[in-house]
PDB file of all heavy atoms in Angstrom:
ATOM      1  N   GLY A   1     129.084  97.046 102.635  1.00  0.00           N
ATOM      2  CA  GLY A   1     130.038  96.502 103.630  1.00  0.00           C
ATOM      3  C   GLY A   1     129.376  95.498 104.533  1.00  0.00           C
ATOM      4  O   GLY A   1     130.054  94.503 104.899  1.00  0.00           O
ATOM      5  N   GLN A   2     128.089  95.682 104.841  1.00  0.00           N
ATOM      6  CA  GLN A   2     127.375  94.707 105.731  1.00  0.00           C
ATOM      7  C   GLN A   2     126.751  93.638 104.936  1.00  0.00           C
ATOM      8  O   GLN A   2     126.635  93.677 103.702  1.00  0.00           O
ATOM      9  CB  GLN A   2     126.441  95.462 106.583  1.00  0.00           C
ATOM     10  CG  GLN A   2     127.056  96.574 107.437  1.00  0.00           C
ATOM     11  CD  GLN A   2     126.104  97.017 108.544  1.00  0.00           C
ATOM     12  OE1 GLN A   2     124.900  97.124 108.381  1.00  0.00           O
ATOM     13  NE2 GLN A   2     126.718  97.325 109.729  1.00  0.00           N
ATOM     14  N   GLY A   3     126.195  92.591 105.613  1.00  0.00           N
ATOM     15  CA  GLY A   3     125.525  91.565 104.978  1.00  0.00           C
ATOM     16  C   GLY A   3     124.749  90.687 105.983  1.00  0.00           C
ATOM     17  O   GLY A   3     124.888  90.853 107.184  1.00  0.00           O
ATOM     18  N   ILE A   4     123.948  89.754 105.511  1.00  0.00           N
ATOM     19  CA  ILE A   4     123.163  88.958 106.365  1.00  0.00           C
ATOM     20  C   ILE A   4     123.978  87.973 107.191  1.00  0.00           C
ATOM     21  O   ILE A   4     124.879  87.302 106.672  1.00  0.00           O
ATOM     22  CB  ILE A   4     122.093  88.109 105.563  1.00  0.00           C
ATOM     23  CG1 ILE A   4     121.002  89.030 104.979  1.00  0.00           C
ATOM     24  CG2 ILE A   4     121.479  87.051 106.429  1.00  0.00           C
ATOM     25  CD1 ILE A   4     119.950  88.335 104.168  1.00  0.00           C
ATOM     26  N   LYS A   5     123.723  88.003 108.515  1.00  0.00           N
ATOM     27  CA  LYS A   5     124.348  87.085 109.435  1.00  0.00           C
ATOM     28  C   LYS A   5     123.406  85.885 109.652  1.00  0.00           C
ATOM     29  O   LYS A   5     123.774  84.743 109.457  1.00  0.00           O
ATOM     30  CB  LYS A   5     124.693  87.800 110.749  1.00  0.00           C
ATOM     31  CG  LYS A   5     125.358  86.916 111.812  1.00  0.00           C
ATOM     32  CD  LYS A   5     125.665  87.753 113.027  1.00  0.00           C
ATOM     33  CE  LYS A   5     126.409  86.955 114.111  1.00  0.00           C
ATOM     34  NZ  LYS A   5     126.645  87.807 115.323  1.00  0.00           N
ATOM     35  N   SER A   6     122.264  86.172 110.125  1.00  0.00           N
ATOM     36  CA  SER A   6     121.276  85.086 110.266  1.00  0.00           C
ATOM     37  C   SER A   6     119.991  85.620 109.618  1.00  0.00           C
ATOM     38  O   SER A   6     119.540  86.811 109.743  1.00  0.00           O
ATOM     39  CB  SER A   6     120.954  84.814 111.735  1.00  0.00           C
ATOM     40  OG  SER A   6     120.450  85.924 112.425  1.00  0.00           O
ATOM     41  N   PRO A   7     119.307  84.747 108.845  1.00  0.00           N
ATOM     42  CA  PRO A   7     118.066  85.236 108.149  1.00  0.00           C
ATOM     43  C   PRO A   7     116.880  85.344 109.094  1.00  0.00           C
ATOM     44  O   PRO A   7     116.768  84.566 110.071  1.00  0.00           O
ATOM     45  CB  PRO A   7     117.842  84.044 107.119  1.00  0.00           C
ATOM     46  CG  PRO A   7     118.487  82.891 107.666  1.00  0.00           C
ATOM     47  CD  PRO A   7     119.688  83.439 108.413  1.00  0.00           C
ATOM     48  N   GLY A   8     116.009  86.327 108.829  1.00  0.00           N
ATOM     49  CA  GLY A   8     114.874  86.484 109.622  1.00  0.00           C
ATOM     50  C   GLY A   8     113.796  85.436 109.402  1.00  0.00           C
ATOM     51  O   GLY A   8     113.930  84.585 108.476  1.00  0.00           O
ATOM     52  N   SER A   9     112.799  85.514 110.185  1.00  0.00           N
ATOM     53  CA  SER A   9     111.677  84.542 109.989  1.00  0.00           C
ATOM     54  C   SER A   9     111.031  84.707 108.664  1.00  0.00           C
ATOM     55  O   SER A   9     110.742  85.806 108.194  1.00  0.00           O
ATOM     56  CB  SER A   9     110.565  84.853 111.082  1.00  0.00           C
ATOM     57  OG  SER A   9     109.444  84.134 110.890  1.00  0.00           O
ATOM     58  N   ARG A  10     110.875  83.543 107.954  1.00  0.00           N
ATOM     59  CA  ARG A  10     110.312  83.515 106.632  1.00  0.00           C
ATOM     60  C   ARG A  10     111.184  84.105 105.482  1.00  0.00           C
ATOM     61  O   ARG A  10     110.849  84.042 104.362  1.00  0.00           O
ATOM     62  CB  ARG A  10     108.963  84.259 106.584  1.00  0.00           C
ATOM     63  CG  ARG A  10     107.888  83.672 107.496  1.00  0.00           C
ATOM     64  CD  ARG A  10     106.608  84.541 107.578  1.00  0.00           C
ATOM     65  NE  ARG A  10     105.957  84.652 106.298  1.00  0.00           N
ATOM     66  CZ  ARG A  10     104.986  85.542 106.067  1.00  0.00           C
ATOM     67  NH1 ARG A  10     104.536  86.322 107.084  1.00  0.00           N
ATOM     68  NH2 ARG A  10     104.426  85.571 104.862  1.00  0.00           N
ATOM     69  N   ILE A  11     112.421  84.450 105.835  1.00  0.00           N
ATOM     70  CA  ILE A  11     113.390  84.961 104.847  1.00  0.00           C
ATOM     71  C   ILE A  11     113.974  83.769 104.178  1.00  0.00           C
ATOM     72  O   ILE A  11     114.558  82.896 104.811  1.00  0.00           O
ATOM     73  CB  ILE A  11     114.438  85.916 105.446  1.00  0.00           C
ATOM     74  CG1 ILE A  11     113.845  87.207 105.926  1.00  0.00           C
ATOM     75  CG2 ILE A  11     115.530  86.131 104.416  1.00  0.00           C
ATOM     76  CD1 ILE A  11     113.293  88.053 104.794  1.00  0.00           C
ATOM     77  N   VAL A  12     113.898  83.659 102.905  1.00  0.00           N
ATOM     78  CA  VAL A  12     114.486  82.638 102.040  1.00  0.00           C
ATOM     79  C   VAL A  12     115.657  83.248 101.317  1.00  0.00           C
ATOM     80  O   VAL A  12     115.495  84.166 100.599  1.00  0.00           O
ATOM     81  CB  VAL A  12     113.499  82.003 101.084  1.00  0.00           C
ATOM     82  CG1 VAL A  12     114.227  80.962 100.212  1.00  0.00           C
ATOM     83  CG2 VAL A  12     112.308  81.335 101.741  1.00  0.00           C
ATOM     84  N   ILE A  13     116.865  82.711 101.599  1.00  0.00           N
ATOM     85  CA  ILE A  13     118.047  83.105 100.922  1.00  0.00           C
ATOM     86  C   ILE A  13     118.089  82.301  99.599  1.00  0.00           C
ATOM     87  O   ILE A  13     118.341  81.100  99.639  1.00  0.00           O
ATOM     88  CB  ILE A  13     119.363  82.938 101.697  1.00  0.00           C
ATOM     89  CG1 ILE A  13     119.274  83.742 102.979  1.00  0.00           C
ATOM     90  CG2 ILE A  13     120.502  83.357 100.830  1.00  0.00           C
ATOM     91  CD1 ILE A  13     120.451  83.551 103.907  1.00  0.00           C
ATOM     92  N   ASP A  14     117.860  82.993  98.494  1.00  0.00           N
ATOM     93  CA  ASP A  14     117.675  82.300  97.203  1.00  0.00           C
ATOM     94  C   ASP A  14     118.818  82.486  96.302  1.00  0.00           C
ATOM     95  O   ASP A  14     118.873  81.925  95.174  1.00  0.00           O
ATOM     96  CB  ASP A  14     116.406  82.792  96.557  1.00  0.00           C
ATOM     97  CG  ASP A  14     115.777  81.829  95.549  1.00  0.00           C
ATOM     98  OD1 ASP A  14     115.822  80.620  95.851  1.00  0.00           O
ATOM     99  OD2 ASP A  14     115.359  82.277  94.486  1.00  0.00           O
ATOM    100  N   GLY A  15     119.895  83.230  96.713  1.00  0.00           N
ATOM    101  CA  GLY A  15     121.101  83.423  95.855  1.00  0.00           C
ATOM    102  C   GLY A  15     122.304  83.824  96.684  1.00  0.00           C
ATOM    103  O   GLY A  15     122.112  84.562  97.675  1.00  0.00           O
ATOM    104  N   TYR A  16     123.438  83.352  96.270  1.00  0.00           N
ATOM    105  CA  TYR A  16     124.699  83.584  97.059  1.00  0.00           C
ATOM    106  C   TYR A  16     125.750  84.040  96.047  1.00  0.00           C
ATOM    107  O   TYR A  16     125.814  83.579  94.907  1.00  0.00           O
ATOM    108  CB  TYR A  16     125.169  82.308  97.749  1.00  0.00           C
ATOM    109  CG  TYR A  16     124.363  81.867  98.873  1.00  0.00           C
ATOM    110  CD1 TYR A  16     123.214  81.020  98.690  1.00  0.00           C
ATOM    111  CD2 TYR A  16     124.625  82.168 100.205  1.00  0.00           C
ATOM    112  CE1 TYR A  16     122.452  80.530  99.739  1.00  0.00           C
ATOM    113  CE2 TYR A  16     123.862  81.739 101.302  1.00  0.00           C
ATOM    114  CZ  TYR A  16     122.786  80.969 101.005  1.00  0.00           C
ATOM    115  OH  TYR A  16     122.032  80.484 102.129  1.00  0.00           O
ATOM    116  N   ALA A  17     126.662  84.888  96.538  1.00  0.00           N
ATOM    117  CA  ALA A  17     127.919  85.190  95.851  1.00  0.00           C
ATOM    118  C   ALA A  17     128.863  83.975  95.915  1.00  0.00           C
ATOM    119  O   ALA A  17     128.664  83.059  96.705  1.00  0.00           O
ATOM    120  CB  ALA A  17     128.542  86.442  96.393  1.00  0.00           C
ATOM    121  N   ASP A  18     129.966  84.066  95.187  1.00  0.00           N
ATOM    122  CA  ASP A  18     130.877  82.986  95.164  1.00  0.00           C
ATOM    123  C   ASP A  18     131.487  82.686  96.560  1.00  0.00           C
ATOM    124  O   ASP A  18     131.839  81.545  96.841  1.00  0.00           O
ATOM    125  CB  ASP A  18     132.034  83.306  94.195  1.00  0.00           C
ATOM    126  CG  ASP A  18     131.532  83.496  92.746  1.00  0.00           C
ATOM    127  OD1 ASP A  18     130.530  82.881  92.347  1.00  0.00           O
ATOM    128  OD2 ASP A  18     132.245  84.195  91.946  1.00  0.00           O
ATOM    129  N   ASP A  19     131.595  83.693  97.396  1.00  0.00           N
ATOM    130  CA  ASP A  19     132.193  83.513  98.689  1.00  0.00           C
ATOM    131  C   ASP A  19     131.189  83.117  99.799  1.00  0.00           C
ATOM    132  O   ASP A  19     131.503  83.151 100.997  1.00  0.00           O
ATOM    133  CB  ASP A  19     133.004  84.755  99.072  1.00  0.00           C
ATOM    134  CG  ASP A  19     132.068  86.013  99.294  1.00  0.00           C
ATOM    135  OD1 ASP A  19     130.829  85.895  98.979  1.00  0.00           O
ATOM    136  OD2 ASP A  19     132.540  87.006  99.711  1.00  0.00           O
ATOM    137  N   GLY A  20     129.968  82.849  99.371  1.00  0.00           N
ATOM    138  CA  GLY A  20     128.937  82.459 100.281  1.00  0.00           C
ATOM    139  C   GLY A  20     128.136  83.599 100.921  1.00  0.00           C
ATOM    140  O   GLY A  20     127.239  83.387 101.816  1.00  0.00           O
ATOM    141  N   THR A  21     128.325  84.822 100.490  1.00  0.00           N
ATOM    142  CA  THR A  21     127.534  85.956 100.954  1.00  0.00           C
ATOM    143  C   THR A  21     126.128  85.926 100.365  1.00  0.00           C
ATOM    144  O   THR A  21     125.977  85.805  99.085  1.00  0.00           O
ATOM    145  CB  THR A  21     128.215  87.268 100.578  1.00  0.00           C
ATOM    146  OG1 THR A  21     129.528  87.299 101.215  1.00  0.00           O
ATOM    147  CG2 THR A  21     127.415  88.460 101.045  1.00  0.00           C
ATOM    148  N   PRO A  22     125.101  85.973 101.218  1.00  0.00           N
ATOM    149  CA  PRO A  22     123.696  86.017 100.723  1.00  0.00           C
ATOM    150  C   PRO A  22     123.539  87.218  99.809  1.00  0.00           C
ATOM    151  O   PRO A  22     123.864  88.409 100.201  1.00  0.00           O
ATOM    152  CB  PRO A  22     122.802  86.104 101.899  1.00  0.00           C
ATOM    153  CG  PRO A  22     123.663  85.408 103.055  1.00  0.00           C
ATOM    154  CD  PRO A  22     125.096  85.889 102.686  1.00  0.00           C
ATOM    155  N   GLU A  23     122.873  87.035  98.653  1.00  0.00           N
ATOM    156  CA  GLU A  23     122.723  88.135  97.635  1.00  0.00           C
ATOM    157  C   GLU A  23     121.298  88.307  97.177  1.00  0.00           C
ATOM    158  O   GLU A  23     120.971  89.378  96.580  1.00  0.00           O
ATOM    159  CB  GLU A  23     123.588  87.919  96.451  1.00  0.00           C
ATOM    160  CG  GLU A  23     125.123  87.968  96.782  1.00  0.00           C
ATOM    161  CD  GLU A  23     125.607  89.374  96.762  1.00  0.00           C
ATOM    162  OE1 GLU A  23     124.976  90.297  96.254  1.00  0.00           O
ATOM    163  OE2 GLU A  23     126.743  89.599  97.304  1.00  0.00           O
ATOM    164  N   ALA A  24     120.390  87.347  97.335  1.00  0.00           N
ATOM    165  CA  ALA A  24     119.044  87.384  96.877  1.00  0.00           C
ATOM    166  C   ALA A  24     118.087  86.753  97.899  1.00  0.00           C
ATOM    167  O   ALA A  24     118.343  85.637  98.327  1.00  0.00           O
ATOM    168  CB  ALA A  24     118.963  86.788  95.534  1.00  0.00           C
ATOM    169  N   ILE A  25     117.036  87.441  98.303  1.00  0.00           N
ATOM    170  CA  ILE A  25     116.098  86.873  99.271  1.00  0.00           C
ATOM    171  C   ILE A  25     114.654  87.197  98.824  1.00  0.00           C
ATOM    172  O   ILE A  25     114.412  88.061  98.000  1.00  0.00           O
ATOM    173  CB  ILE A  25     116.350  87.467 100.704  1.00  0.00           C
ATOM    174  CG1 ILE A  25     116.168  88.982 100.707  1.00  0.00           C
ATOM    175  CG2 ILE A  25     117.703  87.029 101.237  1.00  0.00           C
ATOM    176  CD1 ILE A  25     116.232  89.562 102.133  1.00  0.00           C
ATOM    177  N   TYR A  26     113.755  86.497  99.500  1.00  0.00           N
ATOM    178  CA  TYR A  26     112.317  86.883  99.422  1.00  0.00           C
ATOM    179  C   TYR A  26     111.664  86.351 100.726  1.00  0.00           C
ATOM    180  O   TYR A  26     112.271  85.604 101.468  1.00  0.00           O
ATOM    181  CB  TYR A  26     111.642  86.314  98.149  1.00  0.00           C
ATOM    182  CG  TYR A  26     111.561  84.763  98.116  1.00  0.00           C
ATOM    183  CD1 TYR A  26     110.507  84.069  98.625  1.00  0.00           C
ATOM    184  CD2 TYR A  26     112.591  84.061  97.475  1.00  0.00           C
ATOM    185  CE1 TYR A  26     110.421  82.659  98.595  1.00  0.00           C
ATOM    186  CE2 TYR A  26     112.524  82.688  97.408  1.00  0.00           C
ATOM    187  CZ  TYR A  26     111.500  81.985  97.973  1.00  0.00           C
ATOM    188  OH  TYR A  26     111.424  80.616  97.901  1.00  0.00           O
ATOM    189  N   VAL A  27     110.423  86.809 100.949  1.00  0.00           N
ATOM    190  CA  VAL A  27     109.661  86.447 102.176  1.00  0.00           C
ATOM    191  C   VAL A  27     108.764  85.316 101.889  1.00  0.00           C
ATOM    192  O   VAL A  27     107.836  85.456 100.983  1.00  0.00           O
ATOM    193  CB  VAL A  27     108.928  87.638 102.735  1.00  0.00           C
ATOM    194  CG1 VAL A  27     108.178  87.217 103.992  1.00  0.00           C
ATOM    195  CG2 VAL A  27     109.786  88.836 103.027  1.00  0.00           C
ATOM    196  N   GLN A  28     108.986  84.157 102.440  1.00  0.00           N
ATOM    197  CA  GLN A  28     108.242  82.983 102.174  1.00  0.00           C
ATOM    198  C   GLN A  28     106.857  83.123 102.530  1.00  0.00           C
ATOM    199  O   GLN A  28     106.475  83.656 103.633  1.00  0.00           O
ATOM    200  CB  GLN A  28     108.817  81.774 102.872  1.00  0.00           C
ATOM    201  CG  GLN A  28     108.235  80.458 102.496  1.00  0.00           C
ATOM    202  CD  GLN A  28     109.005  79.257 103.161  1.00  0.00           C
ATOM    203  OE1 GLN A  28     109.351  79.350 104.330  1.00  0.00           O
ATOM    204  NE2 GLN A  28     109.215  78.211 102.391  1.00  0.00           N
ATOM    205  N   GLY A  29     105.921  82.761 101.653  1.00  0.00           N
ATOM    206  CA  GLY A  29     104.482  82.856 101.936  1.00  0.00           C
ATOM    207  C   GLY A  29     103.880  84.174 101.795  1.00  0.00           C
ATOM    208  O   GLY A  29     102.639  84.340 101.930  1.00  0.00           O
ATOM    209  N   ALA A  30     104.604  85.194 101.492  1.00  0.00           N
ATOM    210  CA  ALA A  30     104.086  86.538 101.263  1.00  0.00           C
ATOM    211  C   ALA A  30     103.293  86.593  99.955  1.00  0.00           C
ATOM    212  O   ALA A  30     103.644  85.975  98.955  1.00  0.00           O
ATOM    213  CB  ALA A  30     105.137  87.628 101.209  1.00  0.00           C
ATOM    214  N   SER A  31     102.138  87.222  99.994  1.00  0.00           N
ATOM    215  CA  SER A  31     101.249  87.235  98.766  1.00  0.00           C
ATOM    216  C   SER A  31     101.690  88.257  97.794  1.00  0.00           C
ATOM    217  O   SER A  31     101.282  88.242  96.607  1.00  0.00           O
ATOM    218  CB  SER A  31      99.772  87.544  99.207  1.00  0.00           C
ATOM    219  OG  SER A  31      99.662  88.820  99.875  1.00  0.00           O
ATOM    220  N   GLY A  32     102.551  89.213  98.136  1.00  0.00           N
ATOM    221  CA  GLY A  32     103.009  90.231  97.234  1.00  0.00           C
ATOM    222  C   GLY A  32     104.453  90.070  96.868  1.00  0.00           C
ATOM    223  O   GLY A  32     105.147  89.145  97.390  1.00  0.00           O
ATOM    224  N   PHE A  33     104.996  90.945  96.022  1.00  0.00           N
ATOM    225  CA  PHE A  33     106.375  90.973  95.581  1.00  0.00           C
ATOM    226  C   PHE A  33     107.240  91.369  96.708  1.00  0.00           C
ATOM    227  O   PHE A  33     107.112  92.514  97.304  1.00  0.00           O
ATOM    228  CB  PHE A  33     106.537  91.939  94.367  1.00  0.00           C
ATOM    229  CG  PHE A  33     107.864  91.901  93.670  1.00  0.00           C
ATOM    230  CD1 PHE A  33     108.047  91.337  92.527  1.00  0.00           C
ATOM    231  CD2 PHE A  33     108.866  92.624  94.329  1.00  0.00           C
ATOM    232  CE1 PHE A  33     109.241  91.336  91.871  1.00  0.00           C
ATOM    233  CE2 PHE A  33     110.151  92.623  93.651  1.00  0.00           C
ATOM    234  CZ  PHE A  33     110.291  92.045  92.421  1.00  0.00           C
ATOM    235  N   THR A  34     108.179  90.540  97.120  1.00  0.00           N
ATOM    236  CA  THR A  34     109.120  90.860  98.255  1.00  0.00           C
ATOM    237  C   THR A  34     110.618  90.606  97.886  1.00  0.00           C
ATOM    238  O   THR A  34     111.454  90.521  98.726  1.00  0.00           O
ATOM    239  CB  THR A  34     108.798  90.084  99.493  1.00  0.00           C
ATOM    240  OG1 THR A  34     108.994  88.679  99.225  1.00  0.00           O
ATOM    241  CG2 THR A  34     107.391  90.231  99.985  1.00  0.00           C
ATOM    242  N   LEU A  35     110.881  90.443  96.581  1.00  0.00           N
ATOM    243  CA  LEU A  35     112.253  90.204  96.203  1.00  0.00           C
ATOM    244  C   LEU A  35     113.157  91.306  96.517  1.00  0.00           C
ATOM    245  O   LEU A  35     112.818  92.498  96.438  1.00  0.00           O
ATOM    246  CB  LEU A  35     112.307  89.931  94.675  1.00  0.00           C
ATOM    247  CG  LEU A  35     112.040  88.489  94.223  1.00  0.00           C
ATOM    248  CD1 LEU A  35     110.694  88.013  94.619  1.00  0.00           C
ATOM    249  CD2 LEU A  35     112.230  88.373  92.699  1.00  0.00           C
ATOM    250  N   SER A  36     114.374  90.968  97.072  1.00  0.00           N
ATOM    251  CA  SER A  36     115.392  91.863  97.465  1.00  0.00           C
ATOM    252  C   SER A  36     116.755  91.390  97.118  1.00  0.00           C
ATOM    253  O   SER A  36     116.937  90.198  97.225  1.00  0.00           O
ATOM    254  CB  SER A  36     115.207  92.183  98.947  1.00  0.00           C
ATOM    255  OG  SER A  36     113.936  92.625  99.344  1.00  0.00           O
ATOM    256  N   VAL A  37     117.579  92.339  96.767  1.00  0.00           N
ATOM    257  CA  VAL A  37     118.967  91.928  96.343  1.00  0.00           C
ATOM    258  C   VAL A  37     120.021  92.764  97.025  1.00  0.00           C
ATOM    259  O   VAL A  37     119.813  93.959  97.339  1.00  0.00           O
ATOM    260  CB  VAL A  37     119.160  91.987  94.790  1.00  0.00           C
ATOM    261  CG1 VAL A  37     118.135  91.081  94.087  1.00  0.00           C
ATOM    262  CG2 VAL A  37     118.997  93.398  94.266  1.00  0.00           C
ATOM    263  N   GLN A  38     121.206  92.156  97.260  1.00  0.00           N
ATOM    264  CA  GLN A  38     122.271  92.813  97.933  1.00  0.00           C
ATOM    265  C   GLN A  38     123.051  93.860  97.005  1.00  0.00           C
ATOM    266  O   GLN A  38     123.718  94.813  97.439  1.00  0.00           O
ATOM    267  CB  GLN A  38     123.230  91.912  98.582  1.00  0.00           C
ATOM    268  CG  GLN A  38     124.314  92.466  99.366  1.00  0.00           C
ATOM    269  CD  GLN A  38     123.875  93.299 100.622  1.00  0.00           C
ATOM    270  OE1 GLN A  38     123.613  92.678 101.693  1.00  0.00           O
ATOM    271  NE2 GLN A  38     123.698  94.586 100.453  1.00  0.00           N
ATOM    272  N   TRP A  39     122.986  93.559  95.692  1.00  0.00           N
ATOM    273  CA  TRP A  39     123.712  94.387  94.742  1.00  0.00           C
ATOM    274  C   TRP A  39     122.838  95.627  94.333  1.00  0.00           C
ATOM    275  O   TRP A  39     121.773  95.804  94.844  1.00  0.00           O
ATOM    276  CB  TRP A  39     124.174  93.558  93.557  1.00  0.00           C
ATOM    277  CG  TRP A  39     123.095  93.047  92.620  1.00  0.00           C
ATOM    278  CD1 TRP A  39     122.630  93.703  91.484  1.00  0.00           C
ATOM    279  CD2 TRP A  39     122.428  91.857  92.627  1.00  0.00           C
ATOM    280  NE1 TRP A  39     121.660  92.954  90.853  1.00  0.00           N
ATOM    281  CE2 TRP A  39     121.479  91.760  91.549  1.00  0.00           C
ATOM    282  CE3 TRP A  39     122.379  90.698  93.546  1.00  0.00           C
ATOM    283  CZ2 TRP A  39     120.645  90.729  91.290  1.00  0.00           C
ATOM    284  CZ3 TRP A  39     121.567  89.673  93.336  1.00  0.00           C
ATOM    285  CH2 TRP A  39     120.717  89.628  92.168  1.00  0.00           C
TER     286      TRP A  39
END
């Protein structure tokens, strides 16, 4: 139901649904795995 309104510091929105909803992010500059998905 909810979704990203404004991305946090270092959050890169790397994927969007057809309607513009952010669906895939990662933390820029992080040395570890930070991939996250809305689905």
